[in-house]
Amino acid sequence: MLSCFVNEHQNDWDEYLQYLTYAYNTSTYATTNHTPFEVVYGRKTKIPLDLVMENETETNEEIYELAKTGQESLVVKIFVKELQEKLREVFKNVEKNRDYMVEKSRI
């Protein structure tokens, strides 16, 4: 990816790393059918366009109410549990998609 952007002297490659890393981490891969960011964090990335378009965010009113009442430890437990569930689902999908692509390549 870097070779597409560096100048002829190849001395400006470091200027593109952050952009290419972002592009890499937010691209859906055919083998997993997920982005690397999603696999690591259990959620889709928010891009600047999401802020402009004001997409609906995943909110949980119960969590907001608990936070207002000073029950932060319960909020953390709920967050961790939801994150674990999302990551299990993503990992299961990644395995399924990986196995499908392996079988597809054998044909």
N, C-alpha and C. Protein backbone atom coordinates (compact mmCIF):
# COMPACT_ATOMS: atom_id res chain seq x y z
N MET A 1 0.82 -1.19 0.00
CA MET A 1 0.00 0.00 0.00
C MET A 1 0.87 1.26 0.00
N LEU A 2 1.94 1.21 0.75
CA LEU A 2 2.81 2.38 0.82
C LEU A 2 3.41 2.72 -0.55
N SER A 3 3.73 1.71 -1.30
CA SER A 3 4.39 1.95 -2.59
C SER A 3 3.52 2.76 -3.55
N CYS A 4 2.23 2.76 -3.33
CA CYS A 4 1.33 3.53 -4.19
C CYS A 4 1.38 5.03 -3.89
N PHE A 5 1.89 5.39 -2.74
CA PHE A 5 1.81 6.80 -2.32
C PHE A 5 3.16 7.50 -2.15
N VAL A 6 4.22 6.77 -1.90
CA VAL A 6 5.50 7.43 -1.62
C VAL A 6 6.03 8.14 -2.86
N ASN A 7 6.87 9.14 -2.62
CA ASN A 7 7.44 9.87 -3.75
C ASN A 7 8.55 9.05 -4.39
N GLU A 8 9.12 9.57 -5.45
CA GLU A 8 10.13 8.82 -6.20
C GLU A 8 11.40 8.56 -5.39
N HIS A 9 11.64 9.37 -4.38
CA HIS A 9 12.82 9.19 -3.52
C HIS A 9 12.52 8.28 -2.33
N GLN A 10 11.30 7.92 -2.17
CA GLN A 10 10.82 7.04 -1.09
C GLN A 10 11.23 7.53 0.30
N ASN A 11 11.16 8.85 0.48
CA ASN A 11 11.55 9.40 1.77
C ASN A 11 10.38 10.04 2.52
N ASP A 12 9.18 9.85 2.03
CA ASP A 12 8.02 10.42 2.72
C ASP A 12 7.00 9.36 3.16
N TRP A 13 7.43 8.11 3.21
CA TRP A 13 6.52 7.01 3.52
C TRP A 13 5.89 7.14 4.89
N ASP A 14 6.63 7.72 5.85
CA ASP A 14 6.11 7.83 7.21
C ASP A 14 4.91 8.78 7.31
N GLU A 15 4.75 9.66 6.35
CA GLU A 15 3.62 10.59 6.35
C GLU A 15 2.29 9.88 6.05
N TYR A 16 2.36 8.69 5.48
CA TYR A 16 1.16 7.98 5.06
C TYR A 16 0.76 6.84 6.00
N LEU A 17 1.60 6.53 6.96
CA LEU A 17 1.34 5.36 7.82
C LEU A 17 0.00 5.44 8.55
N GLN A 18 -0.31 6.57 9.15
CA GLN A 18 -1.55 6.66 9.91
C GLN A 18 -2.78 6.48 9.02
N TYR A 19 -2.73 7.00 7.81
CA TYR A 19 -3.86 6.88 6.90
C TYR A 19 -4.02 5.45 6.38
N LEU A 20 -2.90 4.83 6.06
CA LEU A 20 -2.96 3.46 5.55
C LEU A 20 -3.32 2.47 6.65
N THR A 21 -2.87 2.74 7.87
CA THR A 21 -3.25 1.89 9.00
C THR A 21 -4.75 1.97 9.22
N TYR A 22 -5.29 3.17 9.17
CA TYR A 22 -6.73 3.35 9.32
C TYR A 22 -7.48 2.62 8.21
N ALA A 23 -7.02 2.78 6.98
CA ALA A 23 -7.67 2.11 5.85
C ALA A 23 -7.63 0.59 6.02
N TYR A 24 -6.50 0.08 6.45
CA TYR A 24 -6.34 -1.36 6.66
C TYR A 24 -7.28 -1.86 7.76
N ASN A 25 -7.30 -1.16 8.88
CA ASN A 25 -8.09 -1.61 10.02
C ASN A 25 -9.60 -1.44 9.85
N THR A 26 -10.02 -0.64 8.87
CA THR A 26 -11.45 -0.43 8.66
C THR A 26 -11.97 -1.07 7.38
N SER A 27 -11.14 -1.87 6.74
CA SER A 27 -11.56 -2.57 5.52
C SER A 27 -12.06 -3.97 5.86
N THR A 28 -13.18 -4.34 5.26
CA THR A 28 -13.73 -5.67 5.48
C THR A 28 -12.95 -6.66 4.63
N TYR A 29 -12.54 -7.76 5.24
CA TYR A 29 -11.76 -8.78 4.55
C TYR A 29 -12.64 -9.96 4.19
N ALA A 30 -12.47 -10.45 2.97
CA ALA A 30 -13.30 -11.54 2.46
C ALA A 30 -13.18 -12.80 3.32
N THR A 31 -12.00 -13.07 3.83
CA THR A 31 -11.80 -14.28 4.61
C THR A 31 -12.59 -14.27 5.90
N THR A 32 -12.67 -13.12 6.57
CA THR A 32 -13.35 -13.04 7.86
C THR A 32 -14.73 -12.39 7.76
N ASN A 33 -14.94 -11.62 6.72
CA ASN A 33 -16.16 -10.83 6.54
C ASN A 33 -16.32 -9.79 7.64
N HIS A 34 -15.21 -9.39 8.25
CA HIS A 34 -15.17 -8.37 9.29
C HIS A 34 -13.92 -7.52 9.09
N THR A 35 -13.92 -6.35 9.73
CA THR A 35 -12.73 -5.51 9.70
C THR A 35 -11.83 -5.92 10.87
N PRO A 36 -10.51 -5.68 10.76
CA PRO A 36 -9.63 -5.95 11.90
C PRO A 36 -10.08 -5.19 13.16
N PHE A 37 -10.53 -3.96 13.00
CA PHE A 37 -11.00 -3.17 14.14
C PHE A 37 -12.16 -3.89 14.84
N GLU A 38 -13.09 -4.39 14.07
CA GLU A 38 -14.25 -5.08 14.62
C GLU A 38 -13.85 -6.35 15.36
N VAL A 39 -12.88 -7.06 14.85
CA VAL A 39 -12.41 -8.28 15.49
C VAL A 39 -11.75 -7.96 16.84
N VAL A 40 -11.04 -6.86 16.91
CA VAL A 40 -10.34 -6.51 18.14
C VAL A 40 -11.29 -5.87 19.17
N TYR A 41 -12.16 -4.96 18.72
CA TYR A 41 -12.97 -4.18 19.65
C TYR A 41 -14.43 -4.61 19.75
N GLY A 42 -14.87 -5.50 18.89
CA GLY A 42 -16.23 -6.01 18.98
C GLY A 42 -17.30 -5.04 18.49
N ARG A 43 -16.90 -4.03 17.76
CA ARG A 43 -17.87 -3.08 17.21
C ARG A 43 -17.30 -2.48 15.93
N LYS A 44 -18.17 -1.90 15.14
CA LYS A 44 -17.73 -1.24 13.92
C LYS A 44 -17.12 0.11 14.28
N THR A 45 -16.21 0.57 13.43
CA THR A 45 -15.60 1.87 13.67
C THR A 45 -16.58 2.97 13.35
N LYS A 46 -16.36 4.09 13.96
CA LYS A 46 -17.12 5.29 13.61
C LYS A 46 -16.20 6.14 12.76
N ILE A 47 -16.68 6.48 11.59
CA ILE A 47 -15.89 7.32 10.69
C ILE A 47 -16.43 8.74 10.76
N PRO A 48 -15.67 9.72 10.32
CA PRO A 48 -16.15 11.10 10.39
C PRO A 48 -17.52 11.31 9.74
N LEU A 49 -17.81 10.58 8.69
CA LEU A 49 -19.11 10.71 8.04
C LEU A 49 -20.25 10.32 8.98
N ASP A 50 -20.01 9.37 9.87
CA ASP A 50 -21.03 8.99 10.85
C ASP A 50 -21.41 10.17 11.73
N LEU A 51 -20.44 10.98 12.09
CA LEU A 51 -20.71 12.16 12.92
C LEU A 51 -21.53 13.19 12.16
N VAL A 52 -21.23 13.36 10.87
CA VAL A 52 -21.95 14.32 10.06
C VAL A 52 -23.38 13.86 9.82
N MET A 53 -23.54 12.57 9.55
CA MET A 53 -24.86 12.02 9.24
C MET A 53 -25.68 11.75 10.51
N GLU A 54 -25.04 11.84 11.68
CA GLU A 54 -25.70 11.59 12.95
C GLU A 54 -26.44 10.26 12.95
N ASN A 55 -25.70 9.20 12.61
CA ASN A 55 -26.28 7.85 12.64
C ASN A 55 -26.74 7.52 14.04
N GLU A 56 -27.75 6.66 14.11
CA GLU A 56 -28.22 6.20 15.42
C GLU A 56 -27.10 5.46 16.11
N THR A 57 -26.85 5.80 17.34
CA THR A 57 -25.82 5.11 18.09
C THR A 57 -26.46 4.06 18.97
N GLU A 58 -25.65 3.07 19.30
CA GLU A 58 -26.13 2.02 20.18
C GLU A 58 -26.12 2.56 21.61
N THR A 59 -27.30 2.85 22.13
CA THR A 59 -27.36 3.36 23.49
C THR A 59 -28.18 2.41 24.33
N ASN A 60 -27.89 2.42 25.58
CA ASN A 60 -28.60 1.57 26.51
C ASN A 60 -29.07 2.47 27.64
N GLU A 61 -30.37 2.76 27.68
CA GLU A 61 -30.92 3.68 28.68
C GLU A 61 -30.66 3.18 30.10
N GLU A 62 -30.67 1.87 30.29
CA GLU A 62 -30.42 1.30 31.62
C GLU A 62 -29.04 1.71 32.12
N ILE A 63 -28.06 1.69 31.24
CA ILE A 63 -26.69 2.07 31.63
C ILE A 63 -26.64 3.54 32.02
N TYR A 64 -27.30 4.40 31.26
CA TYR A 64 -27.29 5.82 31.60
C TYR A 64 -27.93 6.07 32.96
N GLU A 65 -29.03 5.39 33.23
CA GLU A 65 -29.71 5.55 34.51
C GLU A 65 -28.82 5.07 35.67
N LEU A 66 -28.15 3.94 35.49
CA LEU A 66 -27.27 3.43 36.53
C LEU A 66 -26.11 4.39 36.78
N ALA A 67 -25.56 4.94 35.71
CA ALA A 67 -24.44 5.88 35.86
C ALA A 67 -24.87 7.12 36.62
N LYS A 68 -26.10 7.58 36.38
CA LYS A 68 -26.61 8.76 37.09
C LYS A 68 -26.76 8.51 38.58
N THR A 69 -27.03 7.27 38.96
CA THR A 69 -27.24 6.95 40.37
C THR A 69 -25.96 6.54 41.08
N GLY A 70 -24.82 6.65 40.41
CA GLY A 70 -23.55 6.38 41.05
C GLY A 70 -23.17 4.90 41.11
N GLN A 71 -23.77 4.09 40.28
CA GLN A 71 -23.47 2.65 40.28
C GLN A 71 -22.50 2.31 39.15
N GLU A 72 -21.35 2.97 39.16
CA GLU A 72 -20.37 2.81 38.09
C GLU A 72 -19.86 1.38 37.97
N SER A 73 -19.70 0.69 39.10
CA SER A 73 -19.18 -0.68 39.03
C SER A 73 -20.15 -1.59 38.29
N LEU A 74 -21.44 -1.36 38.47
CA LEU A 74 -22.45 -2.14 37.74
C LEU A 74 -22.42 -1.79 36.26
N VAL A 75 -22.21 -0.53 35.94
CA VAL A 75 -22.11 -0.09 34.55
C VAL A 75 -20.94 -0.80 33.87
N VAL A 76 -19.81 -0.87 34.57
CA VAL A 76 -18.63 -1.53 34.02
C VAL A 76 -18.92 -3.01 33.79
N LYS A 77 -19.58 -3.67 34.74
CA LYS A 77 -19.90 -5.09 34.58
C LYS A 77 -20.81 -5.31 33.38
N ILE A 78 -21.79 -4.45 33.19
CA ILE A 78 -22.70 -4.58 32.04
C ILE A 78 -21.93 -4.37 30.75
N PHE A 79 -21.07 -3.34 30.72
CA PHE A 79 -20.27 -3.07 29.52
C PHE A 79 -19.40 -4.26 29.17
N VAL A 80 -18.70 -4.80 30.16
CA VAL A 80 -17.81 -5.93 29.92
C VAL A 80 -18.59 -7.13 29.41
N LYS A 81 -19.74 -7.41 30.02
CA LYS A 81 -20.56 -8.55 29.59
C LYS A 81 -21.02 -8.37 28.14
N GLU A 82 -21.50 -7.18 27.79
CA GLU A 82 -21.94 -6.92 26.42
C GLU A 82 -20.79 -7.03 25.44
N LEU A 83 -19.62 -6.53 25.83
CA LEU A 83 -18.45 -6.60 24.96
C LEU A 83 -18.03 -8.05 24.74
N GLN A 84 -18.04 -8.84 25.80
CA GLN A 84 -17.70 -10.25 25.66
C GLN A 84 -18.66 -10.96 24.71
N GLU A 85 -19.94 -10.67 24.82
CA GLU A 85 -20.94 -11.29 23.93
C GLU A 85 -20.70 -10.89 22.49
N LYS A 86 -20.43 -9.61 22.26
CA LYS A 86 -20.18 -9.14 20.90
C LYS A 86 -18.93 -9.79 20.32
N LEU A 87 -17.86 -9.87 21.13
CA LEU A 87 -16.62 -10.47 20.65
C LEU A 87 -16.80 -11.96 20.36
N ARG A 88 -17.56 -12.67 21.20
CA ARG A 88 -17.83 -14.08 20.91
C ARG A 88 -18.55 -14.24 19.58
N GLU A 89 -19.52 -13.38 19.34
CA GLU A 89 -20.27 -13.42 18.09
C GLU A 89 -19.36 -13.13 16.89
N VAL A 90 -18.52 -12.11 17.02
CA VAL A 90 -17.60 -11.76 15.94
C VAL A 90 -16.64 -12.92 15.68
N PHE A 91 -16.06 -13.49 16.73
CA PHE A 91 -15.11 -14.60 16.57
C PHE A 91 -15.78 -15.81 15.93
N LYS A 92 -17.03 -16.08 16.33
CA LYS A 92 -17.76 -17.20 15.73
C LYS A 92 -17.97 -16.95 14.24
N ASN A 93 -18.34 -15.73 13.89
CA ASN A 93 -18.53 -15.38 12.48
C ASN A 93 -17.22 -15.46 11.70
N VAL A 94 -16.14 -15.00 12.31
CA VAL A 94 -14.83 -15.06 11.66
C VAL A 94 -14.45 -16.50 11.37
N GLU A 95 -14.62 -17.37 12.35
CA GLU A 95 -14.30 -18.79 12.14
C GLU A 95 -15.15 -19.40 11.04
N LYS A 96 -16.44 -19.09 11.08
CA LYS A 96 -17.35 -19.63 10.06
C LYS A 96 -16.96 -19.15 8.67
N ASN A 97 -16.70 -17.86 8.54
CA ASN A 97 -16.31 -17.31 7.24
C ASN A 97 -14.96 -17.82 6.78
N ARG A 98 -14.03 -17.96 7.71
CA ARG A 98 -12.71 -18.49 7.37
C ARG A 98 -12.84 -19.92 6.85
N ASP A 99 -13.60 -20.75 7.56
CA ASP A 99 -13.79 -22.14 7.14
C ASP A 99 -14.47 -22.22 5.77
N TYR A 100 -15.43 -21.34 5.54
CA TYR A 100 -16.11 -21.30 4.25
C TYR A 100 -15.13 -20.96 3.14
N MET A 101 -14.28 -19.94 3.38
CA MET A 101 -13.32 -19.55 2.35
C MET A 101 -12.28 -20.63 2.10
N VAL A 102 -11.88 -21.35 3.14
CA VAL A 102 -10.93 -22.45 2.96
C VAL A 102 -11.57 -23.54 2.10
N GLU A 103 -12.81 -23.89 2.41
CA GLU A 103 -13.50 -24.91 1.62
C GLU A 103 -13.70 -24.44 0.19
N LYS A 104 -14.04 -23.18 0.02
CA LYS A 104 -14.24 -22.62 -1.32
C LYS A 104 -12.96 -22.67 -2.15
N SER A 105 -11.83 -22.45 -1.51
CA SER A 105 -10.55 -22.46 -2.23
C SER A 105 -10.11 -23.86 -2.63
N ARG A 106 -10.63 -24.86 -1.94
CA ARG A 106 -10.27 -26.23 -2.27
C ARG A 106 -10.99 -26.74 -3.51
N ILE A 107 -12.06 -26.09 -3.86
CA ILE A 107 -12.86 -26.53 -5.01
C ILE A 107 -12.20 -26.16 -6.31
